[in-house]
Amino acid sequence: MGKKKKEIVKSTNVKSPIAKYTIKEKLDQLIVLKTKLNELGLDVYKDEMKDLGKIMNEYLKNDVEYYGKIPLPGSKRVMCIEFNNNKKSKISITLKYDKYV
């Protein structure tokens, strides 16, 4: 039996630039999220929605990414917020059950 020939694979160490959301794309997605939250009736949580508004403004104007939670008292729900500048991940708000809220 003879030796097997190994193929030489050239690696490309050139990284592609990270695609980021534009202000218009961010604004469009944030408007969709805000209207969905209002349709679900979460506009009754005035203080929590005010906090969310501040977070959205910081994200939109200053490109400040945010990962966190805002509890919704009395509903046993928590808003899990993920605002990314990178297009690889979505801008999202998820309502999760939490029996301790």
C-alpha atoms as a PDB file:
ATOM      1  CA  MET A   1       0.000   0.000   0.000  1.00  0.00           C
ATOM      2  CA  GLY A   2       1.240   3.430  -0.917  1.00  0.00           C
ATOM      3  CA  LYS A   3       0.983   6.738   0.805  1.00  0.00           C
ATOM      4  CA  LYS A   4      -2.139   8.775   0.362  1.00  0.00           C
ATOM      5  CA  LYS A   5      -1.697  12.191  -1.081  1.00  0.00           C
ATOM      6  CA  LYS A   6      -2.924  15.010   1.150  1.00  0.00           C
ATOM      7  CA  GLU A   7      -4.587  17.933  -0.477  1.00  0.00           C
ATOM      8  CA  ILE A   8      -3.329  21.321   0.499  1.00  0.00           C
ATOM      9  CA  VAL A   9      -6.157  23.694   1.231  1.00  0.00           C
ATOM     10  CA  LYS A  10      -5.385  27.370   1.283  1.00  0.00           C
ATOM     11  CA  SER A  11      -7.178  29.181   4.031  1.00  0.00           C
ATOM     12  CA  THR A  12      -8.523  32.615   3.475  1.00  0.00           C
ATOM     13  CA  ASN A  13      -8.042  34.741   6.532  1.00  0.00           C
ATOM     14  CA  VAL A  14      -9.791  37.696   4.992  1.00  0.00           C
ATOM     15  CA  LYS A  15     -12.827  38.542   7.089  1.00  0.00           C
ATOM     16  CA  SER A  16     -15.809  40.120   5.465  1.00  0.00           C
ATOM     17  CA  PRO A  17     -17.024  43.348   7.041  1.00  0.00           C
ATOM     18  CA  ILE A  18     -19.867  42.994   9.518  1.00  0.00           C
ATOM     19  CA  ALA A  19     -23.140  44.126   8.003  1.00  0.00           C
ATOM     20  CA  LYS A  20     -25.004  46.462  10.322  1.00  0.00           C
ATOM     21  CA  TYR A  21     -28.584  47.675  10.309  1.00  0.00           C
ATOM     22  CA  THR A  22     -29.223  51.114   8.875  1.00  0.00           C
ATOM     23  CA  ILE A  23     -31.269  53.630  10.841  1.00  0.00           C
ATOM     24  CA  LYS A  24     -34.217  53.124   8.491  1.00  0.00           C
ATOM     25  CA  GLU A  25     -34.119  49.325   8.928  1.00  0.00           C
ATOM     26  CA  LYS A  26     -33.948  49.719  12.707  1.00  0.00           C
ATOM     27  CA  LEU A  27     -36.818  52.193  12.725  1.00  0.00           C
ATOM     28  CA  ASP A  28     -39.014  49.949  10.563  1.00  0.00           C
ATOM     29  CA  GLN A  29     -38.433  46.929  12.802  1.00  0.00           C
ATOM     30  CA  LEU A  30     -38.946  48.899  16.013  1.00  0.00           C
ATOM     31  CA  ILE A  31     -42.256  50.279  14.725  1.00  0.00           C
ATOM     32  CA  VAL A  32     -43.434  46.742  13.931  1.00  0.00           C
ATOM     33  CA  LEU A  33     -42.437  45.547  17.428  1.00  0.00           C
ATOM     34  CA  LYS A  34     -44.118  48.508  19.135  1.00  0.00           C
ATOM     35  CA  THR A  35     -47.409  48.003  17.240  1.00  0.00           C
ATOM     36  CA  LYS A  36     -47.423  44.288  18.072  1.00  0.00           C
ATOM     37  CA  LEU A  37     -46.945  45.062  21.765  1.00  0.00           C
ATOM     38  CA  ASN A  38     -49.812  47.561  21.628  1.00  0.00           C
ATOM     39  CA  GLU A  39     -52.025  44.997  19.864  1.00  0.00           C
ATOM     40  CA  LEU A  40     -51.316  42.571  22.710  1.00  0.00           C
ATOM     41  CA  GLY A  41     -52.565  45.184  25.161  1.00  0.00           C
ATOM     42  CA  LEU A  42     -49.225  45.885  26.831  1.00  0.00           C
ATOM     43  CA  ASP A  43     -49.707  49.642  26.571  1.00  0.00           C
ATOM     44  CA  VAL A  44     -51.421  49.494  29.990  1.00  0.00           C
ATOM     45  CA  TYR A  45     -47.940  49.068  31.535  1.00  0.00           C
ATOM     46  CA  LYS A  46     -47.057  52.772  31.333  1.00  0.00           C
ATOM     47  CA  ASP A  47     -43.763  52.730  33.267  1.00  0.00           C
ATOM     48  CA  GLU A  48     -42.458  49.611  31.548  1.00  0.00           C
ATOM     49  CA  MET A  49     -43.355  50.947  28.094  1.00  0.00           C
ATOM     50  CA  LYS A  50     -41.639  54.232  28.972  1.00  0.00           C
ATOM     51  CA  ASP A  51     -38.481  52.277  29.860  1.00  0.00           C
ATOM     52  CA  LEU A  52     -38.767  50.370  26.592  1.00  0.00           C
ATOM     53  CA  GLY A  53     -39.124  53.666  24.712  1.00  0.00           C
ATOM     54  CA  LYS A  54     -35.911  54.983  26.279  1.00  0.00           C
ATOM     55  CA  ILE A  55     -34.076  51.785  25.328  1.00  0.00           C
ATOM     56  CA  MET A  56     -35.411  51.997  21.763  1.00  0.00           C
ATOM     57  CA  ASN A  57     -34.309  55.647  21.444  1.00  0.00           C
ATOM     58  CA  GLU A  58     -30.784  54.869  22.691  1.00  0.00           C
ATOM     59  CA  TYR A  59     -30.570  51.946  20.274  1.00  0.00           C
ATOM     60  CA  LEU A  60     -31.825  53.969  17.334  1.00  0.00           C
ATOM     61  CA  LYS A  61     -29.915  57.213  17.881  1.00  0.00           C
ATOM     62  CA  ASN A  62     -26.651  56.075  19.479  1.00  0.00           C
ATOM     63  CA  ASP A  63     -26.292  52.469  18.201  1.00  0.00           C
ATOM     64  CA  VAL A  64     -26.312  51.166  21.782  1.00  0.00           C
ATOM     65  CA  GLU A  65     -27.009  47.432  21.704  1.00  0.00           C
ATOM     66  CA  TYR A  66     -29.265  46.155  24.464  1.00  0.00           C
ATOM     67  CA  TYR A  67     -29.827  42.711  25.926  1.00  0.00           C
ATOM     68  CA  GLY A  68     -32.086  42.567  28.938  1.00  0.00           C
ATOM     69  CA  LYS A  69     -35.448  41.966  30.544  1.00  0.00           C
ATOM     70  CA  ILE A  70     -38.294  44.173  31.656  1.00  0.00           C
ATOM     71  CA  PRO A  71     -40.754  42.498  34.063  1.00  0.00           C
ATOM     72  CA  LEU A  72     -44.475  43.064  33.543  1.00  0.00           C
ATOM     73  CA  PRO A  73     -45.936  42.956  37.086  1.00  0.00           C
ATOM     74  CA  GLY A  74     -49.168  41.093  37.608  1.00  0.00           C
ATOM     75  CA  SER A  75     -49.066  39.309  34.259  1.00  0.00           C
ATOM     76  CA  LYS A  76     -46.418  36.672  35.083  1.00  0.00           C
ATOM     77  CA  ARG A  77     -44.565  37.751  31.947  1.00  0.00           C
ATOM     78  CA  VAL A  78     -41.162  39.235  31.191  1.00  0.00           C
ATOM     79  CA  MET A  79     -40.161  41.110  28.033  1.00  0.00           C
ATOM     80  CA  CYS A  80     -36.824  39.721  26.859  1.00  0.00           C
ATOM     81  CA  ILE A  81     -35.233  42.375  24.665  1.00  0.00           C
ATOM     82  CA  GLU A  82     -32.458  41.781  22.132  1.00  0.00           C
ATOM     83  CA  PHE A  83     -31.447  44.807  20.094  1.00  0.00           C
ATOM     84  CA  ASN A  84     -28.402  44.049  17.934  1.00  0.00           C
ATOM     85  CA  ASN A  85     -26.601  46.218  15.421  1.00  0.00           C
ATOM     86  CA  ASN A  86     -25.366  43.153  13.547  1.00  0.00           C
ATOM     87  CA  LYS A  87     -27.616  41.866  10.755  1.00  0.00           C
ATOM     88  CA  LYS A  88     -26.806  38.247  11.602  1.00  0.00           C
ATOM     89  CA  SER A  89     -29.260  38.358  14.497  1.00  0.00           C
ATOM     90  CA  LYS A  90     -32.766  39.738  14.633  1.00  0.00           C
ATOM     91  CA  ILE A  91     -34.038  42.715  16.556  1.00  0.00           C
ATOM     92  CA  SER A  92     -36.557  41.091  18.878  1.00  0.00           C
ATOM     93  CA  ILE A  93     -38.741  41.351  21.942  1.00  0.00           C
ATOM     94  CA  THR A  94     -40.005  38.078  23.360  1.00  0.00           C
ATOM     95  CA  LEU A  95     -42.664  37.654  26.034  1.00  0.00           C
ATOM     96  CA  LYS A  96     -41.711  34.834  28.374  1.00  0.00           C
ATOM     97  CA  TYR A  97     -43.584  33.277  31.277  1.00  0.00           C
ATOM     98  CA  ASP A  98     -42.132  33.873  34.729  1.00  0.00           C
ATOM     99  CA  LYS A  99     -44.233  32.779  37.682  1.00  0.00           C
ATOM    100  CA  TYR A 100     -42.290  35.001  40.093  1.00  0.00           C
ATOM    101  CA  VAL A 101     -43.255  38.317  38.440  1.00  0.00           C
END
